[in-house]
Amino acid sequence: MILFISGLAIVMIASSHSADKKVYEIARLKNEVNEMRSAFIDGRSKLMRLKMESAVVVKMKEKGLLPSVIPPKKIKIKSQK
């Protein structure tokens, strides 16, 4: 009887250690997901700032290009039927 109870205690302790390992792994993965999400949001906000017209104008001025003063015109093509 004592051997049976000892065997059950060993199985219970092993199961508890296994569950603890899984809990720590889940916590580590949640932290990693949060870090990746914040890096993604940071990268997306940097991209939004780079795509703004004012940022593009500044970059193009450095290269010697200026925005057009003349507004664009529509080109209409009449069908030849």
N, C-alpha and C. Protein backbone atom coordinates (compact mmCIF):
# COMPACT_ATOMS: atom_id res chain seq x y z
N MET A 1 0.83 -1.20 0.00
CA MET A 1 0.00 0.00 0.00
C MET A 1 0.88 1.26 0.00
N ILE A 2 1.95 1.21 0.79
CA ILE A 2 2.85 2.37 0.87
C ILE A 2 3.53 2.61 -0.47
N LEU A 3 3.92 1.57 -1.16
CA LEU A 3 4.53 1.72 -2.49
C LEU A 3 3.55 2.32 -3.50
N PHE A 4 2.31 1.93 -3.43
CA PHE A 4 1.29 2.46 -4.34
C PHE A 4 1.09 3.96 -4.12
N ILE A 5 0.98 4.36 -2.86
CA ILE A 5 0.81 5.79 -2.53
C ILE A 5 2.05 6.58 -2.92
N SER A 6 3.23 5.99 -2.72
CA SER A 6 4.47 6.66 -3.13
C SER A 6 4.52 6.83 -4.65
N GLY A 7 4.09 5.83 -5.37
CA GLY A 7 4.05 5.92 -6.84
C GLY A 7 3.10 7.00 -7.31
N LEU A 8 1.92 7.07 -6.67
CA LEU A 8 0.96 8.13 -7.01
C LEU A 8 1.53 9.51 -6.70
N ALA A 9 2.23 9.65 -5.60
CA ALA A 9 2.84 10.94 -5.23
C ALA A 9 3.89 11.35 -6.26
N ILE A 10 4.68 10.40 -6.72
CA ILE A 10 5.71 10.71 -7.73
C ILE A 10 5.05 11.15 -9.03
N VAL A 11 3.99 10.46 -9.43
CA VAL A 11 3.26 10.84 -10.66
C VAL A 11 2.66 12.22 -10.49
N MET A 12 2.11 12.53 -9.33
CA MET A 12 1.50 13.84 -9.09
C MET A 12 2.56 14.95 -9.14
N ILE A 13 3.72 14.71 -8.55
CA ILE A 13 4.80 15.70 -8.56
C ILE A 13 5.30 15.93 -9.99
N ALA A 14 5.46 14.86 -10.77
CA ALA A 14 5.91 15.00 -12.15
C ALA A 14 4.89 15.78 -12.98
N SER A 15 3.61 15.49 -12.74
CA SER A 15 2.55 16.21 -13.47
C SER A 15 2.55 17.69 -13.11
N SER A 16 2.78 17.99 -11.84
CA SER A 16 2.82 19.39 -11.40
C SER A 16 4.00 20.13 -12.04
N HIS A 17 5.16 19.49 -12.12
CA HIS A 17 6.32 20.11 -12.75
C HIS A 17 6.07 20.35 -14.24
N SER A 18 5.43 19.39 -14.88
CA SER A 18 5.12 19.54 -16.30
C SER A 18 4.17 20.72 -16.53
N ALA A 19 3.17 20.85 -15.67
CA ALA A 19 2.22 21.96 -15.80
C ALA A 19 2.92 23.30 -15.56
N ASP A 20 3.82 23.36 -14.59
CA ASP A 20 4.56 24.59 -14.32
C ASP A 20 5.41 25.00 -15.53
N LYS A 21 6.07 24.01 -16.15
CA LYS A 21 6.88 24.31 -17.34
C LYS A 21 6.02 24.91 -18.44
N LYS A 22 4.82 24.36 -18.62
CA LYS A 22 3.92 24.87 -19.65
C LYS A 22 3.46 26.28 -19.35
N VAL A 23 3.18 26.57 -18.08
CA VAL A 23 2.76 27.91 -17.68
C VAL A 23 3.88 28.92 -17.96
N TYR A 24 5.12 28.57 -17.62
CA TYR A 24 6.25 29.47 -17.88
C TYR A 24 6.46 29.66 -19.38
N GLU A 25 6.28 28.62 -20.16
CA GLU A 25 6.44 28.72 -21.62
C GLU A 25 5.36 29.63 -22.21
N ILE A 26 4.13 29.50 -21.72
CA ILE A 26 3.05 30.36 -22.20
C ILE A 26 3.33 31.82 -21.87
N ALA A 27 3.81 32.09 -20.66
CA ALA A 27 4.12 33.47 -20.26
C ALA A 27 5.24 34.04 -21.13
N ARG A 28 6.26 33.22 -21.42
CA ARG A 28 7.37 33.68 -22.26
C ARG A 28 6.88 34.00 -23.67
N LEU A 29 6.02 33.14 -24.20
CA LEU A 29 5.50 33.37 -25.55
C LEU A 29 4.61 34.61 -25.62
N LYS A 30 3.83 34.85 -24.55
CA LYS A 30 2.99 36.06 -24.52
C LYS A 30 3.86 37.32 -24.53
N ASN A 31 4.96 37.29 -23.77
CA ASN A 31 5.87 38.44 -23.77
C ASN A 31 6.48 38.65 -25.15
N GLU A 32 6.85 37.56 -25.80
CA GLU A 32 7.44 37.65 -27.14
C GLU A 32 6.44 38.22 -28.14
N VAL A 33 5.18 37.79 -28.04
CA VAL A 33 4.14 38.31 -28.94
C VAL A 33 3.95 39.81 -28.70
N ASN A 34 3.94 40.22 -27.45
CA ASN A 34 3.77 41.66 -27.15
C ASN A 34 4.93 42.47 -27.71
N GLU A 35 6.16 41.95 -27.60
CA GLU A 35 7.32 42.66 -28.16
C GLU A 35 7.22 42.77 -29.67
N MET A 36 6.82 41.68 -30.32
CA MET A 36 6.70 41.72 -31.79
C MET A 36 5.59 42.64 -32.23
N ARG A 37 4.48 42.66 -31.48
CA ARG A 37 3.38 43.56 -31.84
C ARG A 37 3.80 45.02 -31.71
N SER A 38 4.54 45.34 -30.65
CA SER A 38 4.99 46.73 -30.49
C SER A 38 6.00 47.10 -31.57
N ALA A 39 6.87 46.17 -31.97
CA ALA A 39 7.81 46.44 -33.06
C ALA A 39 7.07 46.65 -34.37
N PHE A 40 6.01 45.88 -34.62
CA PHE A 40 5.21 46.03 -35.83
C PHE A 40 4.53 47.40 -35.85
N ILE A 41 3.95 47.79 -34.73
CA ILE A 41 3.26 49.09 -34.67
C ILE A 41 4.25 50.22 -34.84
N ASP A 42 5.44 50.09 -34.26
CA ASP A 42 6.48 51.11 -34.40
C ASP A 42 6.91 51.23 -35.86
N GLY A 43 7.12 50.10 -36.52
CA GLY A 43 7.51 50.12 -37.93
C GLY A 43 6.43 50.70 -38.81
N ARG A 44 5.17 50.37 -38.50
CA ARG A 44 4.07 50.90 -39.30
C ARG A 44 3.95 52.41 -39.15
N SER A 45 4.15 52.92 -37.92
CA SER A 45 4.06 54.37 -37.72
C SER A 45 5.21 55.09 -38.43
N LYS A 46 6.41 54.48 -38.43
CA LYS A 46 7.53 55.09 -39.16
C LYS A 46 7.23 55.14 -40.66
N LEU A 47 6.65 54.07 -41.18
CA LEU A 47 6.30 54.03 -42.60
C LEU A 47 5.26 55.09 -42.93
N MET A 48 4.27 55.28 -42.06
CA MET A 48 3.24 56.30 -42.29
C MET A 48 3.88 57.69 -42.36
N ARG A 49 4.84 57.94 -41.45
CA ARG A 49 5.49 59.25 -41.47
C ARG A 49 6.31 59.45 -42.74
N LEU A 50 6.97 58.38 -43.22
CA LEU A 50 7.78 58.49 -44.44
C LEU A 50 6.91 58.69 -45.68
N LYS A 51 5.70 58.17 -45.67
CA LYS A 51 4.82 58.27 -46.83
C LYS A 51 4.07 59.60 -46.90
N MET A 52 4.14 60.40 -45.84
CA MET A 52 3.43 61.68 -45.85
C MET A 52 4.01 62.59 -46.93
N GLU A 53 3.13 63.38 -47.54
CA GLU A 53 3.56 64.24 -48.65
C GLU A 53 4.64 65.22 -48.22
N SER A 54 4.53 65.75 -47.02
CA SER A 54 5.53 66.72 -46.55
C SER A 54 6.91 66.07 -46.44
N ALA A 55 6.96 64.83 -45.98
CA ALA A 55 8.25 64.13 -45.88
C ALA A 55 8.83 63.85 -47.26
N VAL A 56 7.97 63.50 -48.21
CA VAL A 56 8.44 63.23 -49.57
C VAL A 56 8.96 64.51 -50.22
N VAL A 57 8.26 65.63 -49.98
CA VAL A 57 8.70 66.90 -50.54
C VAL A 57 10.08 67.28 -50.02
N VAL A 58 10.30 67.08 -48.72
CA VAL A 58 11.61 67.41 -48.13
C VAL A 58 12.70 66.53 -48.74
N LYS A 59 12.44 65.25 -48.89
CA LYS A 59 13.44 64.34 -49.47
C LYS A 59 13.74 64.72 -50.92
N MET A 60 12.73 65.10 -51.67
CA MET A 60 12.93 65.45 -53.07
C MET A 60 13.65 66.80 -53.22
N LYS A 61 13.42 67.71 -52.27
CA LYS A 61 14.15 68.99 -52.32
C LYS A 61 15.64 68.75 -52.18
N GLU A 62 16.01 67.76 -51.35
CA GLU A 62 17.43 67.44 -51.18
C GLU A 62 18.04 66.96 -52.49
N LYS A 63 17.24 66.33 -53.33
CA LYS A 63 17.73 65.82 -54.61
C LYS A 63 17.53 66.82 -55.75
N GLY A 64 16.94 67.96 -55.46
CA GLY A 64 16.79 68.99 -56.47
C GLY A 64 15.45 68.98 -57.19
N LEU A 65 14.50 68.18 -56.76
CA LEU A 65 13.18 68.15 -57.38
C LEU A 65 12.20 68.95 -56.54
N LEU A 66 11.37 69.73 -57.22
CA LEU A 66 10.37 70.55 -56.52
C LEU A 66 8.97 70.11 -56.97
N PRO A 67 7.98 70.31 -56.12
CA PRO A 67 6.62 69.96 -56.53
C PRO A 67 6.13 70.88 -57.65
N SER A 68 5.26 70.37 -58.48
CA SER A 68 4.75 71.13 -59.62
C SER A 68 3.83 72.25 -59.15
N VAL A 69 3.96 73.40 -59.80
CA VAL A 69 3.11 74.55 -59.48
C VAL A 69 1.83 74.47 -60.31
N ILE A 70 1.92 73.85 -61.47
CA ILE A 70 0.79 73.74 -62.39
C ILE A 70 -0.03 72.50 -61.99
N PRO A 71 -1.34 72.68 -61.79
CA PRO A 71 -2.15 71.52 -61.41
C PRO A 71 -2.28 70.54 -62.58
N PRO A 72 -2.49 69.27 -62.32
CA PRO A 72 -2.61 68.29 -63.40
C PRO A 72 -3.91 68.49 -64.19
N LYS A 73 -3.89 68.10 -65.46
CA LYS A 73 -5.08 68.22 -66.32
C LYS A 73 -5.51 66.83 -66.75
N LYS A 74 -6.82 66.67 -66.97
CA LYS A 74 -7.34 65.41 -67.46
C LYS A 74 -7.16 65.36 -68.96
N ILE A 75 -6.81 64.22 -69.45
CA ILE A 75 -6.70 64.01 -70.89
C ILE A 75 -7.92 63.21 -71.31
N LYS A 76 -8.73 63.79 -72.20
CA LYS A 76 -9.92 63.12 -72.68
C LYS A 76 -9.68 62.66 -74.12
N ILE A 77 -10.00 61.43 -74.39
CA ILE A 77 -9.85 60.89 -75.73
C ILE A 77 -11.24 60.57 -76.27
N LYS A 78 -11.54 61.17 -77.42
CA LYS A 78 -12.85 60.91 -78.03
C LYS A 78 -12.72 59.66 -78.91
N SER A 79 -13.75 58.86 -78.88
CA SER A 79 -13.70 57.65 -79.71
C SER A 79 -13.83 58.03 -81.19
N GLN A 80 -13.26 57.24 -82.07
CA GLN A 80 -13.23 57.58 -83.49
C GLN A 80 -14.35 56.90 -84.27
N LYS A 81 -15.42 56.52 -83.61
CA LYS A 81 -16.53 55.86 -84.30
C LYS A 81 -17.37 56.81 -85.07
